[in-house]
Amino acid sequence: MSRELAHRVQNAFDRCKTFPEAGVHNGLFQVRGEAYMALIELRNLCPEIVLALRDRE
């Protein structure tokens, strides 16, 4: 895995950790927007991560 990809993954993961979940309020589960965006970023990085790990084999 390239250093740049590893750095991008670590940054997104760290942003997810810094935002605690808001939980359920009035029957709706709420998550802070910043944490949700970081989670989406991690999801979008998954294909790159899989390819990088596959190249190591």
PDB file of N, CA and C in Angstrom:
ATOM      1  N   MET A   1       0.859  -1.178   0.000  1.00  0.00           N
ATOM      2  CA  MET A   1       0.000   0.000   0.000  1.00  0.00           C
ATOM      3  C   MET A   1       0.897   1.231   0.000  1.00  0.00           C
ATOM      4  N   SER A   2       0.551   2.174  -0.848  1.00  0.00           N
ATOM      5  CA  SER A   2       1.368   3.384  -0.935  1.00  0.00           C
ATOM      6  C   SER A   2       1.222   4.215   0.342  1.00  0.00           C
ATOM      7  N   ARG A   3       2.219   5.024   0.584  1.00  0.00           N
ATOM      8  CA  ARG A   3       2.176   5.882   1.772  1.00  0.00           C
ATOM      9  C   ARG A   3       1.008   6.862   1.704  1.00  0.00           C
ATOM     10  N   GLU A   4       0.732   7.355   0.493  1.00  0.00           N
ATOM     11  CA  GLU A   4      -0.362   8.314   0.339  1.00  0.00           C
ATOM     12  C   GLU A   4      -1.704   7.665   0.677  1.00  0.00           C
ATOM     13  N   LEU A   5      -1.936   6.447   0.185  1.00  0.00           N
ATOM     14  CA  LEU A   5      -3.187   5.747   0.481  1.00  0.00           C
ATOM     15  C   LEU A   5      -3.291   5.442   1.970  1.00  0.00           C
ATOM     16  N   ALA A   6      -2.201   4.973   2.556  1.00  0.00           N
ATOM     17  CA  ALA A   6      -2.208   4.684   3.991  1.00  0.00           C
ATOM     18  C   ALA A   6      -2.512   5.945   4.799  1.00  0.00           C
ATOM     19  N   HIS A   7      -1.957   7.066   4.360  1.00  0.00           N
ATOM     20  CA  HIS A   7      -2.196   8.342   5.040  1.00  0.00           C
ATOM     21  C   HIS A   7      -3.662   8.759   4.915  1.00  0.00           C
ATOM     22  N   ARG A   8      -4.239   8.611   3.726  1.00  0.00           N
ATOM     23  CA  ARG A   8      -5.647   8.968   3.518  1.00  0.00           C
ATOM     24  C   ARG A   8      -6.569   8.101   4.372  1.00  0.00           C
ATOM     25  N   VAL A   9      -6.274   6.805   4.446  1.00  0.00           N
ATOM     26  CA  VAL A   9      -7.080   5.898   5.264  1.00  0.00           C
ATOM     27  C   VAL A   9      -6.968   6.283   6.736  1.00  0.00           C
ATOM     28  N   GLN A  10      -5.761   6.538   7.205  1.00  0.00           N
ATOM     29  CA  GLN A  10      -5.561   6.898   8.614  1.00  0.00           C
ATOM     30  C   GLN A  10      -6.271   8.195   8.963  1.00  0.00           C
ATOM     31  N   ASN A  11      -6.199   9.194   8.077  1.00  0.00           N
ATOM     32  CA  ASN A  11      -6.882  10.467   8.330  1.00  0.00           C
ATOM     33  C   ASN A  11      -8.384  10.286   8.455  1.00  0.00           C
ATOM     34  N   ALA A  12      -8.979   9.536   7.538  1.00  0.00           N
ATOM     35  CA  ALA A  12     -10.424   9.317   7.590  1.00  0.00           C
ATOM     36  C   ALA A  12     -10.801   8.532   8.846  1.00  0.00           C
ATOM     37  N   PHE A  13     -10.005   7.514   9.184  1.00  0.00           N
ATOM     38  CA  PHE A  13     -10.278   6.723  10.389  1.00  0.00           C
ATOM     39  C   PHE A  13     -10.181   7.591  11.636  1.00  0.00           C
ATOM     40  N   ASP A  14      -9.177   8.444  11.706  1.00  0.00           N
ATOM     41  CA  ASP A  14      -9.022   9.329  12.864  1.00  0.00           C
ATOM     42  C   ASP A  14     -10.192  10.292  12.989  1.00  0.00           C
ATOM     43  N   ARG A  15     -10.693  10.794  11.856  1.00  0.00           N
ATOM     44  CA  ARG A  15     -11.851  11.687  11.910  1.00  0.00           C
ATOM     45  C   ARG A  15     -13.086  10.958  12.415  1.00  0.00           C
ATOM     46  N   CYS A  16     -13.253   9.687  12.041  1.00  0.00           N
ATOM     47  CA  CYS A  16     -14.387   8.898  12.552  1.00  0.00           C
ATOM     48  C   CYS A  16     -14.285   8.742  14.067  1.00  0.00           C
ATOM     49  N   LYS A  17     -13.086   8.533  14.576  1.00  0.00           N
ATOM     50  CA  LYS A  17     -12.900   8.326  16.017  1.00  0.00           C
ATOM     51  C   LYS A  17     -13.182   9.576  16.836  1.00  0.00           C
ATOM     52  N   THR A  18     -12.985  10.752  16.257  1.00  0.00           N
ATOM     53  CA  THR A  18     -13.109  11.973  17.045  1.00  0.00           C
ATOM     54  C   THR A  18     -14.551  12.423  17.241  1.00  0.00           C
ATOM     55  N   PHE A  19     -15.494  11.811  16.523  1.00  0.00           N
ATOM     56  CA  PHE A  19     -16.890  12.203  16.642  1.00  0.00           C
ATOM     57  C   PHE A  19     -17.696  11.086  17.278  1.00  0.00           C
ATOM     58  N   PRO A  20     -18.105  11.269  18.540  1.00  0.00           N
ATOM     59  CA  PRO A  20     -18.928  10.228  19.168  1.00  0.00           C
ATOM     60  C   PRO A  20     -20.305  10.186  18.503  1.00  0.00           C
ATOM     61  N   GLU A  21     -20.897   9.023  18.540  1.00  0.00           N
ATOM     62  CA  GLU A  21     -22.235   8.879  17.972  1.00  0.00           C
ATOM     63  C   GLU A  21     -23.237   9.630  18.828  1.00  0.00           C
ATOM     64  N   ALA A  22     -24.187  10.251  18.181  1.00  0.00           N
ATOM     65  CA  ALA A  22     -25.207  10.998  18.906  1.00  0.00           C
ATOM     66  C   ALA A  22     -26.271  10.069  19.483  1.00  0.00           C
ATOM     67  N   GLY A  23     -26.501   8.931  18.839  1.00  0.00           N
ATOM     68  CA  GLY A  23     -27.474   7.971  19.340  1.00  0.00           C
ATOM     69  C   GLY A  23     -28.877   8.240  18.817  1.00  0.00           C
ATOM     70  N   VAL A  24     -29.839   7.649  19.504  1.00  0.00           N
ATOM     71  CA  VAL A  24     -31.233   7.737  19.080  1.00  0.00           C
ATOM     72  C   VAL A  24     -31.928   8.879  19.817  1.00  0.00           C
ATOM     73  N   HIS A  25     -32.576   9.736  19.052  1.00  0.00           N
ATOM     74  CA  HIS A  25     -33.341  10.845  19.605  1.00  0.00           C
ATOM     75  C   HIS A  25     -34.676  10.905  18.883  1.00  0.00           C
ATOM     76  N   ASN A  26     -35.758  10.840  19.635  1.00  0.00           N
ATOM     77  CA  ASN A  26     -37.107  10.874  19.057  1.00  0.00           C
ATOM     78  C   ASN A  26     -37.300   9.804  17.994  1.00  0.00           C
ATOM     79  N   GLY A  27     -36.742   8.623  18.222  1.00  0.00           N
ATOM     80  CA  GLY A  27     -36.902   7.516  17.296  1.00  0.00           C
ATOM     81  C   GLY A  27     -36.008   7.556  16.072  1.00  0.00           C
ATOM     82  N   LEU A  28     -35.144   8.551  15.946  1.00  0.00           N
ATOM     83  CA  LEU A  28     -34.235   8.667  14.815  1.00  0.00           C
ATOM     84  C   LEU A  28     -32.802   8.531  15.298  1.00  0.00           C
ATOM     85  N   PHE A  29     -32.001   7.781  14.546  1.00  0.00           N
ATOM     86  CA  PHE A  29     -30.581   7.655  14.869  1.00  0.00           C
ATOM     87  C   PHE A  29     -29.852   8.816  14.231  1.00  0.00           C
ATOM     88  N   GLN A  30     -29.113   9.554  15.024  1.00  0.00           N
ATOM     89  CA  GLN A  30     -28.414  10.729  14.518  1.00  0.00           C
ATOM     90  C   GLN A  30     -26.908  10.528  14.587  1.00  0.00           C
ATOM     91  N   VAL A  31     -26.242  10.951  13.546  1.00  0.00           N
ATOM     92  CA  VAL A  31     -24.781  10.909  13.470  1.00  0.00           C
ATOM     93  C   VAL A  31     -24.326  12.289  13.011  1.00  0.00           C
ATOM     94  N   ARG A  32     -23.249  12.764  13.563  1.00  0.00           N
ATOM     95  CA  ARG A  32     -22.711  14.059  13.123  1.00  0.00           C
ATOM     96  C   ARG A  32     -22.287  13.976  11.670  1.00  0.00           C
ATOM     97  N   GLY A  33     -22.538  15.054  10.947  1.00  0.00           N
ATOM     98  CA  GLY A  33     -22.223  15.085   9.525  1.00  0.00           C
ATOM     99  C   GLY A  33     -20.770  14.835   9.211  1.00  0.00           C
ATOM    100  N   GLU A  34     -19.866  15.376  10.035  1.00  0.00           N
ATOM    101  CA  GLU A  34     -18.430  15.202   9.799  1.00  0.00           C
ATOM    102  C   GLU A  34     -18.024  13.742   9.906  1.00  0.00           C
ATOM    103  N   ALA A  35     -18.594  13.045  10.891  1.00  0.00           N
ATOM    104  CA  ALA A  35     -18.275  11.629  11.065  1.00  0.00           C
ATOM    105  C   ALA A  35     -18.844  10.816   9.912  1.00  0.00           C
ATOM    106  N   TYR A  36     -20.038  11.154   9.480  1.00  0.00           N
ATOM    107  CA  TYR A  36     -20.654  10.440   8.372  1.00  0.00           C
ATOM    108  C   TYR A  36     -19.845  10.624   7.085  1.00  0.00           C
ATOM    109  N   MET A  37     -19.379  11.829   6.847  1.00  0.00           N
ATOM    110  CA  MET A  37     -18.569  12.087   5.654  1.00  0.00           C
ATOM    111  C   MET A  37     -17.253  11.301   5.706  1.00  0.00           C
ATOM    112  N   ALA A  38     -16.645  11.209   6.883  1.00  0.00           N
ATOM    113  CA  ALA A  38     -15.416  10.424   7.020  1.00  0.00           C
ATOM    114  C   ALA A  38     -15.696   8.948   6.768  1.00  0.00           C
ATOM    115  N   LEU A  39     -16.840   8.451   7.235  1.00  0.00           N
ATOM    116  CA  LEU A  39     -17.216   7.063   7.004  1.00  0.00           C
ATOM    117  C   LEU A  39     -17.434   6.808   5.513  1.00  0.00           C
ATOM    118  N   ILE A  40     -18.067   7.740   4.827  1.00  0.00           N
ATOM    119  CA  ILE A  40     -18.254   7.608   3.380  1.00  0.00           C
ATOM    120  C   ILE A  40     -16.908   7.615   2.672  1.00  0.00           C
ATOM    121  N   GLU A  41     -15.991   8.452   3.132  1.00  0.00           N
ATOM    122  CA  GLU A  41     -14.656   8.486   2.533  1.00  0.00           C
ATOM    123  C   GLU A  41     -13.960   7.135   2.695  1.00  0.00           C
ATOM    124  N   LEU A  42     -14.066   6.535   3.886  1.00  0.00           N
ATOM    125  CA  LEU A  42     -13.467   5.213   4.097  1.00  0.00           C
ATOM    126  C   LEU A  42     -14.101   4.186   3.165  1.00  0.00           C
ATOM    127  N   ARG A  43     -15.411   4.242   3.022  1.00  0.00           N
ATOM    128  CA  ARG A  43     -16.094   3.312   2.123  1.00  0.00           C
ATOM    129  C   ARG A  43     -15.598   3.490   0.699  1.00  0.00           C
ATOM    130  N   ASN A  44     -15.418   4.730   0.263  1.00  0.00           N
ATOM    131  CA  ASN A  44     -14.960   4.990  -1.095  1.00  0.00           C
ATOM    132  C   ASN A  44     -13.510   4.566  -1.317  1.00  0.00           C
ATOM    133  N   LEU A  45     -12.735   4.478  -0.248  1.00  0.00           N
ATOM    134  CA  LEU A  45     -11.335   4.043  -0.362  1.00  0.00           C
ATOM    135  C   LEU A  45     -11.209   2.516  -0.444  1.00  0.00           C
ATOM    136  N   CYS A  46     -12.265   1.794  -0.131  1.00  0.00           N
ATOM    137  CA  CYS A  46     -12.199   0.326  -0.083  1.00  0.00           C
ATOM    138  C   CYS A  46     -11.662  -0.309  -1.370  1.00  0.00           C
ATOM    139  N   PRO A  47     -12.140   0.087  -2.562  1.00  0.00           N
ATOM    140  CA  PRO A  47     -11.570  -0.539  -3.764  1.00  0.00           C
ATOM    141  C   PRO A  47     -10.058  -0.325  -3.895  1.00  0.00           C
ATOM    142  N   GLU A  48      -9.587   0.871  -3.562  1.00  0.00           N
ATOM    143  CA  GLU A  48      -8.148   1.139  -3.627  1.00  0.00           C
ATOM    144  C   GLU A  48      -7.384   0.290  -2.616  1.00  0.00           C
ATOM    145  N   ILE A  49      -7.960   0.121  -1.430  1.00  0.00           N
ATOM    146  CA  ILE A  49      -7.313  -0.678  -0.393  1.00  0.00           C
ATOM    147  C   ILE A  49      -7.239  -2.134  -0.832  1.00  0.00           C
ATOM    148  N   VAL A  50      -8.334  -2.666  -1.377  1.00  0.00           N
ATOM    149  CA  VAL A  50      -8.351  -4.068  -1.835  1.00  0.00           C
ATOM    150  C   VAL A  50      -7.309  -4.272  -2.930  1.00  0.00           C
ATOM    151  N   LEU A  51      -7.238  -3.352  -3.886  1.00  0.00           N
ATOM    152  CA  LEU A  51      -6.236  -3.484  -4.944  1.00  0.00           C
ATOM    153  C   LEU A  51      -4.824  -3.410  -4.390  1.00  0.00           C
ATOM    154  N   ALA A  52      -4.586  -2.524  -3.453  1.00  0.00           N
ATOM    155  CA  ALA A  52      -3.248  -2.397  -2.869  1.00  0.00           C
ATOM    156  C   ALA A  52      -2.862  -3.657  -2.109  1.00  0.00           C
ATOM    157  N   LEU A  53      -3.810  -4.238  -1.401  1.00  0.00           N
ATOM    158  CA  LEU A  53      -3.513  -5.467  -0.663  1.00  0.00           C
ATOM    159  C   LEU A  53      -3.336  -6.649  -1.606  1.00  0.00           C
ATOM    160  N   ARG A  54      -4.085  -6.664  -2.683  1.00  0.00           N
ATOM    161  CA  ARG A  54      -3.958  -7.740  -3.663  1.00  0.00           C
ATOM    162  C   ARG A  54      -2.583  -7.708  -4.317  1.00  0.00           C
ATOM    163  N   ASP A  55      -2.043  -6.504  -4.538  1.00  0.00           N
ATOM    164  CA  ASP A  55      -0.729  -6.366  -5.159  1.00  0.00           C
ATOM    165  C   ASP A  55       0.387  -6.906  -4.265  1.00  0.00           C
ATOM    166  N   ARG A  56       0.135  -6.973  -2.971  1.00  0.00           N
ATOM    167  CA  ARG A  56       1.164  -7.453  -2.032  1.00  0.00           C
ATOM    168  C   ARG A  56       1.330  -8.959  -2.095  1.00  0.00           C
ATOM    169  N   GLU A  57       0.330  -9.671  -2.617  1.00  0.00           N
ATOM    170  CA  GLU A  57       0.384 -11.141  -2.647  1.00  0.00           C
ATOM    171  C   GLU A  57       1.333 -11.648  -3.688  1.00  0.00           C
TER     172      GLU A  57
END
